[in-house]
């Protein structure tokens, strides 16, 4: 089984910065992609940023220019650096990964989420 563990969430003031981390462990043969999603109260879960094994990234328009997604060399850990945080960034942030457990089997996995609250 694959496990994703997020960390780095917390309370920050508007304009502040935060770095989220997600560590993948377990039965991992190859990581296809990893990313961050968020869900605010009363809202649908939305994509924040993704990065694939080749390093290509995608960002939601709402965070483009303020956020950077990155990975370690093995792509077992993904980071989300968020700057110039706004109250509307308040949400539970979830790590997601598409992972091959062996040569023929792949699946999507989710972490438990980490709360980010942006408030004065």
C-alpha atoms as a PDB file:
ATOM      1  CA  UNK A   1       0.000   0.000   0.000  1.00  0.00           C
ATOM      2  CA  UNK A   2       1.117   3.541  -0.760  1.00  0.00           C
ATOM      3  CA  UNK A   3       0.967   6.195   1.913  1.00  0.00           C
ATOM      4  CA  UNK A   4       1.065   9.937   1.403  1.00  0.00           C
ATOM      5  CA  UNK A   5       1.782  12.119   4.404  1.00  0.00           C
ATOM      6  CA  UNK A   6       1.395  15.884   4.218  1.00  0.00           C
ATOM      7  CA  UNK A   7       2.957  18.421   6.523  1.00  0.00           C
ATOM      8  CA  UNK A   8       3.604  22.132   6.729  1.00  0.00           C
ATOM      9  CA  UNK A   9       0.121  23.526   7.057  1.00  0.00           C
ATOM     10  CA  UNK A  10      -0.872  26.039   9.665  1.00  0.00           C
ATOM     11  CA  UNK A  11      -2.011  29.566  10.342  1.00  0.00           C
ATOM     12  CA  UNK A  12      -0.366  32.379   8.416  1.00  0.00           C
ATOM     13  CA  UNK A  13      -1.130  36.041   7.914  1.00  0.00           C
ATOM     14  CA  UNK A  14      -2.136  37.478   4.546  1.00  0.00           C
ATOM     15  CA  UNK A  15       0.953  38.112   2.479  1.00  0.00           C
ATOM     16  CA  UNK A  16       2.866  35.421   4.277  1.00  0.00           C
ATOM     17  CA  UNK A  17       4.452  32.261   2.955  1.00  0.00           C
ATOM     18  CA  UNK A  18       4.138  28.582   3.614  1.00  0.00           C
ATOM     19  CA  UNK A  19       5.779  25.428   2.316  1.00  0.00           C
ATOM     20  CA  UNK A  20       3.848  22.195   2.224  1.00  0.00           C
ATOM     21  CA  UNK A  21       5.511  18.806   1.983  1.00  0.00           C
ATOM     22  CA  UNK A  22       4.189  15.439   0.910  1.00  0.00           C
ATOM     23  CA  UNK A  23       6.169  12.254   1.392  1.00  0.00           C
ATOM     24  CA  UNK A  24       5.225   9.071  -0.414  1.00  0.00           C
ATOM     25  CA  UNK A  25       6.144   5.672   0.919  1.00  0.00           C
ATOM     26  CA  UNK A  26       5.185   2.034   0.544  1.00  0.00           C
ATOM     27  CA  UNK A  27       4.896  -0.120  -2.547  1.00  0.00           C
ATOM     28  CA  UNK A  28       6.225   2.300  -5.132  1.00  0.00           C
ATOM     29  CA  UNK A  29       7.648   1.089  -8.405  1.00  0.00           C
ATOM     30  CA  UNK A  30       7.426   4.371 -10.271  1.00  0.00           C
ATOM     31  CA  UNK A  31       5.777   7.702  -9.658  1.00  0.00           C
ATOM     32  CA  UNK A  32       3.918   9.071 -12.650  1.00  0.00           C
ATOM     33  CA  UNK A  33       2.944  12.408 -11.182  1.00  0.00           C
ATOM     34  CA  UNK A  34       2.253  14.166  -7.924  1.00  0.00           C
ATOM     35  CA  UNK A  35       0.248  17.215  -7.118  1.00  0.00           C
ATOM     36  CA  UNK A  36      -1.646  19.356  -4.695  1.00  0.00           C
ATOM     37  CA  UNK A  37      -5.369  19.946  -4.491  1.00  0.00           C
ATOM     38  CA  UNK A  38      -7.374  21.998  -2.051  1.00  0.00           C
ATOM     39  CA  UNK A  39     -10.893  22.184  -0.764  1.00  0.00           C
ATOM     40  CA  UNK A  40     -12.312  25.206   0.996  1.00  0.00           C
ATOM     41  CA  UNK A  41     -15.459  25.081   3.119  1.00  0.00           C
ATOM     42  CA  UNK A  42     -18.495  25.005   0.878  1.00  0.00           C
ATOM     43  CA  UNK A  43     -16.387  24.560  -2.248  1.00  0.00           C
ATOM     44  CA  UNK A  44     -15.407  21.723  -4.521  1.00  0.00           C
ATOM     45  CA  UNK A  45     -11.946  20.258  -4.441  1.00  0.00           C
ATOM     46  CA  UNK A  46      -9.748  21.971  -7.002  1.00  0.00           C
ATOM     47  CA  UNK A  47      -6.346  21.468  -8.505  1.00  0.00           C
ATOM     48  CA  UNK A  48      -3.559  23.692  -7.232  1.00  0.00           C
ATOM     49  CA  UNK A  49      -0.466  22.355  -8.982  1.00  0.00           C
ATOM     50  CA  UNK A  50       0.965  19.164 -10.426  1.00  0.00           C
ATOM     51  CA  UNK A  51       4.371  17.912 -11.465  1.00  0.00           C
ATOM     52  CA  UNK A  52       5.166  14.834 -13.518  1.00  0.00           C
ATOM     53  CA  UNK A  53       8.198  12.571 -13.554  1.00  0.00           C
ATOM     54  CA  UNK A  54       9.801  14.660 -16.270  1.00  0.00           C
ATOM     55  CA  UNK A  55       9.478  17.814 -14.217  1.00  0.00           C
ATOM     56  CA  UNK A  56       6.691  19.435 -16.198  1.00  0.00           C
ATOM     57  CA  UNK A  57       4.416  21.530 -14.010  1.00  0.00           C
ATOM     58  CA  UNK A  58       0.904  22.882 -14.162  1.00  0.00           C
ATOM     59  CA  UNK A  59      -0.691  25.506 -11.950  1.00  0.00           C
ATOM     60  CA  UNK A  60      -4.161  26.736 -11.314  1.00  0.00           C
ATOM     61  CA  UNK A  61      -4.660  30.306 -12.478  1.00  0.00           C
ATOM     62  CA  UNK A  62      -5.501  31.334  -8.936  1.00  0.00           C
ATOM     63  CA  UNK A  63      -2.020  30.469  -7.656  1.00  0.00           C
ATOM     64  CA  UNK A  64       0.078  30.996 -10.762  1.00  0.00           C
ATOM     65  CA  UNK A  65       2.958  33.320 -10.027  1.00  0.00           C
ATOM     66  CA  UNK A  66       2.622  32.868  -6.278  1.00  0.00           C
ATOM     67  CA  UNK A  67       3.284  29.162  -5.921  1.00  0.00           C
ATOM     68  CA  UNK A  68       5.990  26.731  -6.907  1.00  0.00           C
ATOM     69  CA  UNK A  69       5.717  22.970  -6.952  1.00  0.00           C
ATOM     70  CA  UNK A  70       8.905  20.947  -6.792  1.00  0.00           C
ATOM     71  CA  UNK A  71      10.118  17.432  -6.108  1.00  0.00           C
ATOM     72  CA  UNK A  72      13.131  15.554  -4.870  1.00  0.00           C
ATOM     73  CA  UNK A  73      15.247  13.459  -7.228  1.00  0.00           C
ATOM     74  CA  UNK A  74      13.321  10.258  -6.614  1.00  0.00           C
ATOM     75  CA  UNK A  75       9.989  12.070  -6.762  1.00  0.00           C
ATOM     76  CA  UNK A  76       9.004  10.511  -3.473  1.00  0.00           C
ATOM     77  CA  UNK A  77       8.550  13.922  -1.925  1.00  0.00           C
ATOM     78  CA  UNK A  78       6.764  16.877  -3.430  1.00  0.00           C
ATOM     79  CA  UNK A  79       6.677  20.424  -2.124  1.00  0.00           C
ATOM     80  CA  UNK A  80       4.414  23.382  -2.586  1.00  0.00           C
ATOM     81  CA  UNK A  81       5.892  26.775  -1.812  1.00  0.00           C
ATOM     82  CA  UNK A  82       3.154  29.361  -1.489  1.00  0.00           C
ATOM     83  CA  UNK A  83       3.885  33.060  -1.255  1.00  0.00           C
ATOM     84  CA  UNK A  84       1.731  36.163  -0.995  1.00  0.00           C
ATOM     85  CA  UNK A  85      -0.975  34.129   0.621  1.00  0.00           C
ATOM     86  CA  UNK A  86      -4.528  35.407   0.542  1.00  0.00           C
ATOM     87  CA  UNK A  87      -7.525  34.615   2.739  1.00  0.00           C
ATOM     88  CA  UNK A  88      -9.079  32.799  -0.207  1.00  0.00           C
ATOM     89  CA  UNK A  89      -6.175  30.351  -0.074  1.00  0.00           C
ATOM     90  CA  UNK A  90      -7.649  28.999   3.140  1.00  0.00           C
ATOM     91  CA  UNK A  91      -8.464  25.345   2.581  1.00  0.00           C
ATOM     92  CA  UNK A  92      -7.494  21.812   3.353  1.00  0.00           C
ATOM     93  CA  UNK A  93      -4.647  20.929   1.023  1.00  0.00           C
ATOM     94  CA  UNK A  94      -4.405  17.354  -0.196  1.00  0.00           C
ATOM     95  CA  UNK A  95      -1.484  15.597  -1.761  1.00  0.00           C
ATOM     96  CA  UNK A  96      -2.225  13.343  -4.708  1.00  0.00           C
ATOM     97  CA  UNK A  97      -0.065  10.873  -6.594  1.00  0.00           C
ATOM     98  CA  UNK A  98      -0.372   8.511  -9.533  1.00  0.00           C
ATOM     99  CA  UNK A  99       1.893   5.597  -8.808  1.00  0.00           C
ATOM    100  CA  UNK A 100       2.823   2.263 -10.367  1.00  0.00           C
ATOM    101  CA  UNK A 101       3.077  -0.355  -7.629  1.00  0.00           C
ATOM    102  CA  UNK A 102       4.663  -2.702 -10.180  1.00  0.00           C
ATOM    103  CA  UNK A 103       5.096  -2.839 -13.933  1.00  0.00           C
ATOM    104  CA  UNK A 104       1.414  -3.303 -14.708  1.00  0.00           C
ATOM    105  CA  UNK A 105      -0.511  -1.843 -11.806  1.00  0.00           C
ATOM    106  CA  UNK A 106      -1.089   1.827 -11.113  1.00  0.00           C
ATOM    107  CA  UNK A 107      -3.480   3.811  -9.001  1.00  0.00           C
ATOM    108  CA  UNK A 108      -4.246   7.230  -7.620  1.00  0.00           C
ATOM    109  CA  UNK A 109      -3.554   7.938  -3.964  1.00  0.00           C
ATOM    110  CA  UNK A 110      -4.526  10.727  -1.604  1.00  0.00           C
ATOM    111  CA  UNK A 111      -3.108  12.015   1.624  1.00  0.00           C
ATOM    112  CA  UNK A 112      -5.214  12.960   4.614  1.00  0.00           C
ATOM    113  CA  UNK A 113      -4.797  16.665   4.044  1.00  0.00           C
ATOM    114  CA  UNK A 114      -3.245  19.550   5.902  1.00  0.00           C
ATOM    115  CA  UNK A 115      -5.100  22.679   6.943  1.00  0.00           C
ATOM    116  CA  UNK A 116      -3.930  26.043   5.675  1.00  0.00           C
ATOM    117  CA  UNK A 117      -5.567  29.077   7.227  1.00  0.00           C
ATOM    118  CA  UNK A 118      -4.747  32.578   6.021  1.00  0.00           C
ATOM    119  CA  UNK A 119      -6.087  35.154   8.425  1.00  0.00           C
ATOM    120  CA  UNK A 120      -5.043  38.276  10.277  1.00  0.00           C
END
